[in-house]
Amino acid sequence: MRTTLNIDDELLKEAKIAAIRVGITLTEYIQRALRHECLERETKAAHRTWRMPTREGEPIPGFDWSWSMGKMVEFLEGPDARP
C-alpha cells in the first residue's frame, strides 16, 4: 500500500544511511522499524504485571479482577489511558 508521511529531514537522512549500510531499501528499513516497534509494544503489554490496586494500602472499591485489561486500565488510569 502506498501512503504519504511527513518525516523529519534529519531522521529520514539517518534512515536512508542506515538502510544503505545494511543493504536494503528505505521502504524495507522503515517496515522493519515499524514491525519492531509494534512487536515491542505488544511484548511489553503482554508482560505487564499487575498488583492488587490499592489506595493507602486498602483495596479500591469497585475494582473487579474479572474485567478485561482495557477496562482495568480505564478504571485505574482514566478513560484516555491505553493498555
PDB file of N, CA and C in Angstrom:
ATOM      1  N   MET A   1       0.837  -1.172   0.000  1.00  0.00           N
ATOM      2  CA  MET A   1       0.000   0.000   0.000  1.00  0.00           C
ATOM      3  C   MET A   1       0.887   1.243   0.000  1.00  0.00           C
ATOM      4  N   ARG A   2       0.523   2.180  -0.772  1.00  0.00           N
ATOM      5  CA  ARG A   2       1.272   3.441  -0.823  1.00  0.00           C
ATOM      6  C   ARG A   2       0.632   4.418   0.152  1.00  0.00           C
ATOM      7  N   THR A   3       1.485   5.222   0.780  1.00  0.00           N
ATOM      8  CA  THR A   3       0.989   6.240   1.697  1.00  0.00           C
ATOM      9  C   THR A   3       1.959   7.409   1.723  1.00  0.00           C
ATOM     10  N   THR A   4       1.529   8.505   2.266  1.00  0.00           N
ATOM     11  CA  THR A   4       2.369   9.686   2.380  1.00  0.00           C
ATOM     12  C   THR A   4       2.573   9.995   3.858  1.00  0.00           C
ATOM     13  N   LEU A   5       3.815  10.225   4.240  1.00  0.00           N
ATOM     14  CA  LEU A   5       4.147  10.550   5.627  1.00  0.00           C
ATOM     15  C   LEU A   5       4.993  11.807   5.672  1.00  0.00           C
ATOM     16  N   ASN A   6       4.879  12.539   6.744  1.00  0.00           N
ATOM     17  CA  ASN A   6       5.773  13.665   6.994  1.00  0.00           C
ATOM     18  C   ASN A   6       6.821  13.188   7.987  1.00  0.00           C
ATOM     19  N   ILE A   7       8.075  13.136   7.558  1.00  0.00           N
ATOM     20  CA  ILE A   7       9.176  12.649   8.390  1.00  0.00           C
ATOM     21  C   ILE A   7      10.225  13.739   8.491  1.00  0.00           C
ATOM     22  N   ASP A   8      10.704  13.945   9.702  1.00  0.00           N
ATOM     23  CA  ASP A   8      11.761  14.923   9.934  1.00  0.00           C
ATOM     24  C   ASP A   8      12.925  14.678   8.969  1.00  0.00           C
ATOM     25  N   ASP A   9      13.443  15.743   8.364  1.00  0.00           N
ATOM     26  CA  ASP A   9      14.500  15.619   7.363  1.00  0.00           C
ATOM     27  C   ASP A   9      15.725  14.874   7.884  1.00  0.00           C
ATOM     28  N   GLU A  10      16.170  15.207   9.081  1.00  0.00           N
ATOM     29  CA  GLU A  10      17.358  14.548   9.642  1.00  0.00           C
ATOM     30  C   GLU A  10      17.101  13.072   9.919  1.00  0.00           C
ATOM     31  N   LEU A  11      15.912  12.768  10.425  1.00  0.00           N
ATOM     32  CA  LEU A  11      15.566  11.373  10.698  1.00  0.00           C
ATOM     33  C   LEU A  11      15.526  10.567   9.405  1.00  0.00           C
ATOM     34  N   LEU A  12      14.951  11.133   8.366  1.00  0.00           N
ATOM     35  CA  LEU A  12      14.893  10.448   7.076  1.00  0.00           C
ATOM     36  C   LEU A  12      16.296  10.221   6.519  1.00  0.00           C
ATOM     37  N   LYS A  13      17.146  11.207   6.655  1.00  0.00           N
ATOM     38  CA  LYS A  13      18.529  11.068   6.197  1.00  0.00           C
ATOM     39  C   LYS A  13      19.224   9.924   6.939  1.00  0.00           C
ATOM     40  N   GLU A  14      19.041   9.874   8.266  1.00  0.00           N
ATOM     41  CA  GLU A  14      19.642   8.794   9.059  1.00  0.00           C
ATOM     42  C   GLU A  14      19.105   7.432   8.625  1.00  0.00           C
ATOM     43  N   ALA A  15      17.803   7.374   8.361  1.00  0.00           N
ATOM     44  CA  ALA A  15      17.192   6.107   7.935  1.00  0.00           C
ATOM     45  C   ALA A  15      17.731   5.659   6.586  1.00  0.00           C
ATOM     46  N   LYS A  16      17.900   6.585   5.663  1.00  0.00           N
ATOM     47  CA  LYS A  16      18.448   6.254   4.346  1.00  0.00           C
ATOM     48  C   LYS A  16      19.869   5.705   4.471  1.00  0.00           C
ATOM     49  N   ILE A  17      20.681   6.360   5.289  1.00  0.00           N
ATOM     50  CA  ILE A  17      22.064   5.906   5.500  1.00  0.00           C
ATOM     51  C   ILE A  17      22.076   4.527   6.138  1.00  0.00           C
ATOM     52  N   ALA A  18      21.230   4.328   7.139  1.00  0.00           N
ATOM     53  CA  ALA A  18      21.171   3.030   7.811  1.00  0.00           C
ATOM     54  C   ALA A  18      20.733   1.933   6.846  1.00  0.00           C
ATOM     55  N   ALA A  19      19.760   2.220   5.990  1.00  0.00           N
ATOM     56  CA  ALA A  19      19.289   1.232   5.022  1.00  0.00           C
ATOM     57  C   ALA A  19      20.400   0.855   4.052  1.00  0.00           C
ATOM     58  N   ILE A  20      21.135   1.842   3.598  1.00  0.00           N
ATOM     59  CA  ILE A  20      22.260   1.576   2.692  1.00  0.00           C
ATOM     60  C   ILE A  20      23.302   0.703   3.381  1.00  0.00           C
ATOM     61  N   ARG A  21      23.593   1.006   4.645  1.00  0.00           N
ATOM     62  CA  ARG A  21      24.604   0.236   5.392  1.00  0.00           C
ATOM     63  C   ARG A  21      24.236  -1.241   5.525  1.00  0.00           C
ATOM     64  N   VAL A  22      22.953  -1.523   5.706  1.00  0.00           N
ATOM     65  CA  VAL A  22      22.550  -2.930   5.845  1.00  0.00           C
ATOM     66  C   VAL A  22      22.137  -3.548   4.520  1.00  0.00           C
ATOM     67  N   GLY A  23      22.156  -2.757   3.464  1.00  0.00           N
ATOM     68  CA  GLY A  23      21.912  -3.282   2.126  1.00  0.00           C
ATOM     69  C   GLY A  23      20.462  -3.557   1.791  1.00  0.00           C
ATOM     70  N   ILE A  24      19.562  -2.730   2.300  1.00  0.00           N
ATOM     71  CA  ILE A  24      18.141  -2.895   1.990  1.00  0.00           C
ATOM     72  C   ILE A  24      17.582  -1.556   1.527  1.00  0.00           C
ATOM     73  N   THR A  25      16.376  -1.605   0.988  1.00  0.00           N
ATOM     74  CA  THR A  25      15.736  -0.360   0.545  1.00  0.00           C
ATOM     75  C   THR A  25      15.234   0.425   1.754  1.00  0.00           C
ATOM     76  N   LEU A  26      14.994   1.692   1.539  1.00  0.00           N
ATOM     77  CA  LEU A  26      14.440   2.531   2.595  1.00  0.00           C
ATOM     78  C   LEU A  26      13.069   2.007   3.020  1.00  0.00           C
ATOM     79  N   THR A  27      12.271   1.575   2.048  1.00  0.00           N
ATOM     80  CA  THR A  27      10.951   1.012   2.367  1.00  0.00           C
ATOM     81  C   THR A  27      11.078  -0.172   3.308  1.00  0.00           C
ATOM     82  N   GLU A  28      11.971  -1.110   2.986  1.00  0.00           N
ATOM     83  CA  GLU A  28      12.166  -2.288   3.840  1.00  0.00           C
ATOM     84  C   GLU A  28      12.665  -1.868   5.225  1.00  0.00           C
ATOM     85  N   TYR A  29      13.556  -0.900   5.264  1.00  0.00           N
ATOM     86  CA  TYR A  29      14.093  -0.431   6.545  1.00  0.00           C
ATOM     87  C   TYR A  29      12.969   0.136   7.425  1.00  0.00           C
ATOM     88  N   ILE A  30      12.112   0.961   6.837  1.00  0.00           N
ATOM     89  CA  ILE A  30      11.011   1.553   7.599  1.00  0.00           C
ATOM     90  C   ILE A  30      10.007   0.487   8.020  1.00  0.00           C
ATOM     91  N   GLN A  31       9.724  -0.488   7.150  1.00  0.00           N
ATOM     92  CA  GLN A  31       8.809  -1.578   7.514  1.00  0.00           C
ATOM     93  C   GLN A  31       9.360  -2.378   8.690  1.00  0.00           C
ATOM     94  N   ARG A  32      10.650  -2.674   8.658  1.00  0.00           N
ATOM     95  CA  ARG A  32      11.264  -3.407   9.769  1.00  0.00           C
ATOM     96  C   ARG A  32      11.182  -2.609  11.068  1.00  0.00           C
ATOM     97  N   ALA A  33      11.437  -1.305  10.975  1.00  0.00           N
ATOM     98  CA  ALA A  33      11.377  -0.456  12.168  1.00  0.00           C
ATOM     99  C   ALA A  33       9.963  -0.418  12.742  1.00  0.00           C
ATOM    100  N   LEU A  34       8.967  -0.324  11.880  1.00  0.00           N
ATOM    101  CA  LEU A  34       7.581  -0.314  12.345  1.00  0.00           C
ATOM    102  C   LEU A  34       7.196  -1.655  12.966  1.00  0.00           C
ATOM    103  N   ARG A  35       7.598  -2.755  12.312  1.00  0.00           N
ATOM    104  CA  ARG A  35       7.301  -4.083  12.879  1.00  0.00           C
ATOM    105  C   ARG A  35       7.953  -4.237  14.248  1.00  0.00           C
ATOM    106  N   HIS A  36       9.198  -3.806  14.349  1.00  0.00           N
ATOM    107  CA  HIS A  36       9.921  -3.903  15.622  1.00  0.00           C
ATOM    108  C   HIS A  36       9.201  -3.108  16.707  1.00  0.00           C
ATOM    109  N   GLU A  37       8.798  -1.893  16.397  1.00  0.00           N
ATOM    110  CA  GLU A  37       8.106  -1.039  17.366  1.00  0.00           C
ATOM    111  C   GLU A  37       6.776  -1.650  17.780  1.00  0.00           C
ATOM    112  N   CYS A  38       6.009  -2.158  16.829  1.00  0.00           N
ATOM    113  CA  CYS A  38       4.719  -2.775  17.145  1.00  0.00           C
ATOM    114  C   CYS A  38       4.905  -4.022  17.994  1.00  0.00           C
ATOM    115  N   LEU A  39       5.858  -4.855  17.647  1.00  0.00           N
ATOM    116  CA  LEU A  39       6.122  -6.076  18.401  1.00  0.00           C
ATOM    117  C   LEU A  39       6.590  -5.749  19.816  1.00  0.00           C
ATOM    118  N   GLU A  40       7.436  -4.740  19.944  1.00  0.00           N
ATOM    119  CA  GLU A  40       7.936  -4.342  21.263  1.00  0.00           C
ATOM    120  C   GLU A  40       6.786  -3.889  22.156  1.00  0.00           C
ATOM    121  N   ARG A  41       5.874  -3.116  21.612  1.00  0.00           N
ATOM    122  CA  ARG A  41       4.711  -2.658  22.388  1.00  0.00           C
ATOM    123  C   ARG A  41       3.838  -3.835  22.805  1.00  0.00           C
ATOM    124  N   GLU A  42       3.610  -4.776  21.887  1.00  0.00           N
ATOM    125  CA  GLU A  42       2.805  -5.958  22.217  1.00  0.00           C
ATOM    126  C   GLU A  42       3.473  -6.773  23.304  1.00  0.00           C
ATOM    127  N   THR A  43       4.787  -6.934  23.202  1.00  0.00           N
ATOM    128  CA  THR A  43       5.537  -7.707  24.183  1.00  0.00           C
ATOM    129  C   THR A  43       5.472  -7.050  25.552  1.00  0.00           C
ATOM    130  N   LYS A  44       5.656  -5.742  25.600  1.00  0.00           N
ATOM    131  CA  LYS A  44       5.585  -5.036  26.873  1.00  0.00           C
ATOM    132  C   LYS A  44       4.190  -5.163  27.481  1.00  0.00           C
ATOM    133  N   ALA A  45       3.157  -5.027  26.670  1.00  0.00           N
ATOM    134  CA  ALA A  45       1.792  -5.128  27.174  1.00  0.00           C
ATOM    135  C   ALA A  45       1.511  -6.535  27.692  1.00  0.00           C
ATOM    136  N   ALA A  46       2.028  -7.549  27.008  1.00  0.00           N
ATOM    137  CA  ALA A  46       1.798  -8.935  27.415  1.00  0.00           C
ATOM    138  C   ALA A  46       2.523  -9.277  28.712  1.00  0.00           C
ATOM    139  N   HIS A  47       3.634  -8.611  28.978  1.00  0.00           N
ATOM    140  CA  HIS A  47       4.419  -8.912  30.171  1.00  0.00           C
ATOM    141  C   HIS A  47       4.188  -7.941  31.318  1.00  0.00           C
ATOM    142  N   ARG A  48       3.228  -7.069  31.150  1.00  0.00           N
ATOM    143  CA  ARG A  48       2.920  -6.113  32.203  1.00  0.00           C
ATOM    144  C   ARG A  48       2.370  -6.869  33.408  1.00  0.00           C
ATOM    145  N   THR A  49       2.915  -6.614  34.555  1.00  0.00           N
ATOM    146  CA  THR A  49       2.420  -7.275  35.767  1.00  0.00           C
ATOM    147  C   THR A  49       1.525  -6.311  36.524  1.00  0.00           C
ATOM    148  N   TRP A  50       0.534  -6.868  37.141  1.00  0.00           N
ATOM    149  CA  TRP A  50      -0.419  -6.068  37.897  1.00  0.00           C
ATOM    150  C   TRP A  50      -0.408  -6.494  39.347  1.00  0.00           C
ATOM    151  N   ARG A  51      -0.368  -5.537  40.207  1.00  0.00           N
ATOM    152  CA  ARG A  51      -0.536  -5.789  41.634  1.00  0.00           C
ATOM    153  C   ARG A  51      -1.955  -5.367  42.003  1.00  0.00           C
ATOM    154  N   MET A  52      -2.424  -5.879  43.103  1.00  0.00           N
ATOM    155  CA  MET A  52      -3.751  -5.501  43.567  1.00  0.00           C
ATOM    156  C   MET A  52      -3.792  -3.986  43.713  1.00  0.00           C
ATOM    157  N   PRO A  53      -4.684  -3.326  42.996  1.00  0.00           N
ATOM    158  CA  PRO A  53      -4.767  -1.878  43.110  1.00  0.00           C
ATOM    159  C   PRO A  53      -5.245  -1.468  44.495  1.00  0.00           C
ATOM    160  N   THR A  54      -4.525  -0.556  45.080  1.00  0.00           N
ATOM    161  CA  THR A  54      -4.874  -0.086  46.424  1.00  0.00           C
ATOM    162  C   THR A  54      -4.748   1.425  46.505  1.00  0.00           C
ATOM    163  N   ARG A  55      -5.404   1.966  47.491  1.00  0.00           N
ATOM    164  CA  ARG A  55      -5.237   3.367  47.879  1.00  0.00           C
ATOM    165  C   ARG A  55      -4.923   3.340  49.365  1.00  0.00           C
ATOM    166  N   GLU A  56      -3.757   3.832  49.676  1.00  0.00           N
ATOM    167  CA  GLU A  56      -3.313   3.851  51.074  1.00  0.00           C
ATOM    168  C   GLU A  56      -3.396   2.464  51.705  1.00  0.00           C
ATOM    169  N   GLY A  57      -3.044   1.448  50.917  1.00  0.00           N
ATOM    170  CA  GLY A  57      -2.992   0.082  51.425  1.00  0.00           C
ATOM    171  C   GLY A  57      -4.308  -0.665  51.454  1.00  0.00           C
ATOM    172  N   GLU A  58      -5.379  -0.016  51.082  1.00  0.00           N
ATOM    173  CA  GLU A  58      -6.696  -0.659  51.085  1.00  0.00           C
ATOM    174  C   GLU A  58      -7.151  -0.915  49.649  1.00  0.00           C
ATOM    175  N   PRO A  59      -7.843  -2.046  49.397  1.00  0.00           N
ATOM    176  CA  PRO A  59      -8.348  -2.304  48.043  1.00  0.00           C
ATOM    177  C   PRO A  59      -9.243  -1.159  47.562  1.00  0.00           C
ATOM    178  N   ILE A  60      -9.197  -0.877  46.280  1.00  0.00           N
ATOM    179  CA  ILE A  60     -10.013   0.190  45.712  1.00  0.00           C
ATOM    180  C   ILE A  60     -11.444  -0.319  45.542  1.00  0.00           C
ATOM    181  N   PRO A  61     -12.405   0.352  46.132  1.00  0.00           N
ATOM    182  CA  PRO A  61     -13.803  -0.081  45.993  1.00  0.00           C
ATOM    183  C   PRO A  61     -14.238  -0.063  44.524  1.00  0.00           C
ATOM    184  N   GLY A  62     -14.924  -1.095  44.109  1.00  0.00           N
ATOM    185  CA  GLY A  62     -15.455  -1.159  42.758  1.00  0.00           C
ATOM    186  C   GLY A  62     -14.564  -1.862  41.749  1.00  0.00           C
ATOM    187  N   PHE A  63     -13.301  -2.135  42.122  1.00  0.00           N
ATOM    188  CA  PHE A  63     -12.394  -2.814  41.192  1.00  0.00           C
ATOM    189  C   PHE A  63     -12.764  -4.283  41.104  1.00  0.00           C
ATOM    190  N   ASP A  64     -12.727  -4.840  39.872  1.00  0.00           N
ATOM    191  CA  ASP A  64     -13.117  -6.239  39.663  1.00  0.00           C
ATOM    192  C   ASP A  64     -12.082  -6.940  38.787  1.00  0.00           C
ATOM    193  N   TRP A  65     -11.444  -7.991  39.296  1.00  0.00           N
ATOM    194  CA  TRP A  65     -10.403  -8.711  38.555  1.00  0.00           C
ATOM    195  C   TRP A  65     -10.953  -9.442  37.334  1.00  0.00           C
ATOM    196  N   SER A  66     -12.248  -9.591  37.212  1.00  0.00           N
ATOM    197  CA  SER A  66     -12.816 -10.277  36.044  1.00  0.00           C
ATOM    198  C   SER A  66     -12.922  -9.353  34.828  1.00  0.00           C
ATOM    199  N   TRP A  67     -12.660  -8.063  35.015  1.00  0.00           N
ATOM    200  CA  TRP A  67     -12.699  -7.126  33.888  1.00  0.00           C
ATOM    201  C   TRP A  67     -11.602  -7.435  32.885  1.00  0.00           C
ATOM    202  N   SER A  68     -11.807  -6.958  31.663  1.00  0.00           N
ATOM    203  CA  SER A  68     -10.768  -7.047  30.640  1.00  0.00           C
ATOM    204  C   SER A  68      -9.632  -6.098  31.015  1.00  0.00           C
ATOM    205  N   MET A  69      -8.460  -6.313  30.410  1.00  0.00           N
ATOM    206  CA  MET A  69      -7.306  -5.445  30.679  1.00  0.00           C
ATOM    207  C   MET A  69      -7.657  -3.991  30.369  1.00  0.00           C
ATOM    208  N   GLY A  70      -8.327  -3.760  29.251  1.00  0.00           N
ATOM    209  CA  GLY A  70      -8.700  -2.399  28.876  1.00  0.00           C
ATOM    210  C   GLY A  70      -9.592  -1.738  29.917  1.00  0.00           C
ATOM    211  N   LYS A  71     -10.562  -2.477  30.432  1.00  0.00           N
ATOM    212  CA  LYS A  71     -11.468  -1.945  31.461  1.00  0.00           C
ATOM    213  C   LYS A  71     -10.694  -1.628  32.742  1.00  0.00           C
ATOM    214  N   MET A  72      -9.746  -2.501  33.116  1.00  0.00           N
ATOM    215  CA  MET A  72      -8.937  -2.255  34.316  1.00  0.00           C
ATOM    216  C   MET A  72      -8.126  -0.981  34.176  1.00  0.00           C
ATOM    217  N   VAL A  73      -7.463  -0.834  33.015  1.00  0.00           N
ATOM    218  CA  VAL A  73      -6.642   0.356  32.782  1.00  0.00           C
ATOM    219  C   VAL A  73      -7.515   1.604  32.807  1.00  0.00           C
ATOM    220  N   GLU A  74      -8.671   1.546  32.152  1.00  0.00           N
ATOM    221  CA  GLU A  74      -9.568   2.699  32.137  1.00  0.00           C
ATOM    222  C   GLU A  74     -10.013   3.061  33.550  1.00  0.00           C
ATOM    223  N   PHE A  75     -10.350   2.070  34.359  1.00  0.00           N
ATOM    224  CA  PHE A  75     -10.797   2.303  35.727  1.00  0.00           C
ATOM    225  C   PHE A  75      -9.693   2.922  36.572  1.00  0.00           C
ATOM    226  N   LEU A  76      -8.469   2.402  36.419  1.00  0.00           N
ATOM    227  CA  LEU A  76      -7.364   2.851  37.267  1.00  0.00           C
ATOM    228  C   LEU A  76      -6.692   4.132  36.778  1.00  0.00           C
ATOM    229  N   GLU A  77      -6.645   4.329  35.456  1.00  0.00           N
ATOM    230  CA  GLU A  77      -5.872   5.438  34.915  1.00  0.00           C
ATOM    231  C   GLU A  77      -6.719   6.469  34.177  1.00  0.00           C
ATOM    232  N   GLY A  78      -7.997   6.228  34.020  1.00  0.00           N
ATOM    233  CA  GLY A  78      -8.864   7.177  33.355  1.00  0.00           C
ATOM    234  C   GLY A  78      -9.229   6.731  31.955  1.00  0.00           C
ATOM    235  N   PRO A  79     -10.267   7.315  31.379  1.00  0.00           N
ATOM    236  CA  PRO A  79     -10.780   6.885  30.079  1.00  0.00           C
ATOM    237  C   PRO A  79      -9.827   7.131  28.905  1.00  0.00           C
ATOM    238  N   ASP A  80      -8.849   8.021  29.053  1.00  0.00           N
ATOM    239  CA  ASP A  80      -7.918   8.295  27.951  1.00  0.00           C
ATOM    240  C   ASP A  80      -6.696   7.394  27.983  1.00  0.00           C
ATOM    241  N   ALA A  81      -6.558   6.527  28.995  1.00  0.00           N
ATOM    242  CA  ALA A  81      -5.415   5.632  29.115  1.00  0.00           C
ATOM    243  C   ALA A  81      -5.545   4.492  28.121  1.00  0.00           C
ATOM    244  N   ARG A  82      -4.381   3.959  27.703  1.00  0.00           N
ATOM    245  CA  ARG A  82      -4.357   2.805  26.791  1.00  0.00           C
ATOM    246  C   ARG A  82      -3.582   1.687  27.431  1.00  0.00           C
ATOM    247  N   PRO A  83      -4.048   0.434  27.241  1.00  0.00           N
ATOM    248  CA  PRO A  83      -3.273  -0.696  27.800  1.00  0.00           C
ATOM    249  C   PRO A  83      -1.999  -0.930  27.035  1.00  0.00           C
TER     250      PRO A  83
END
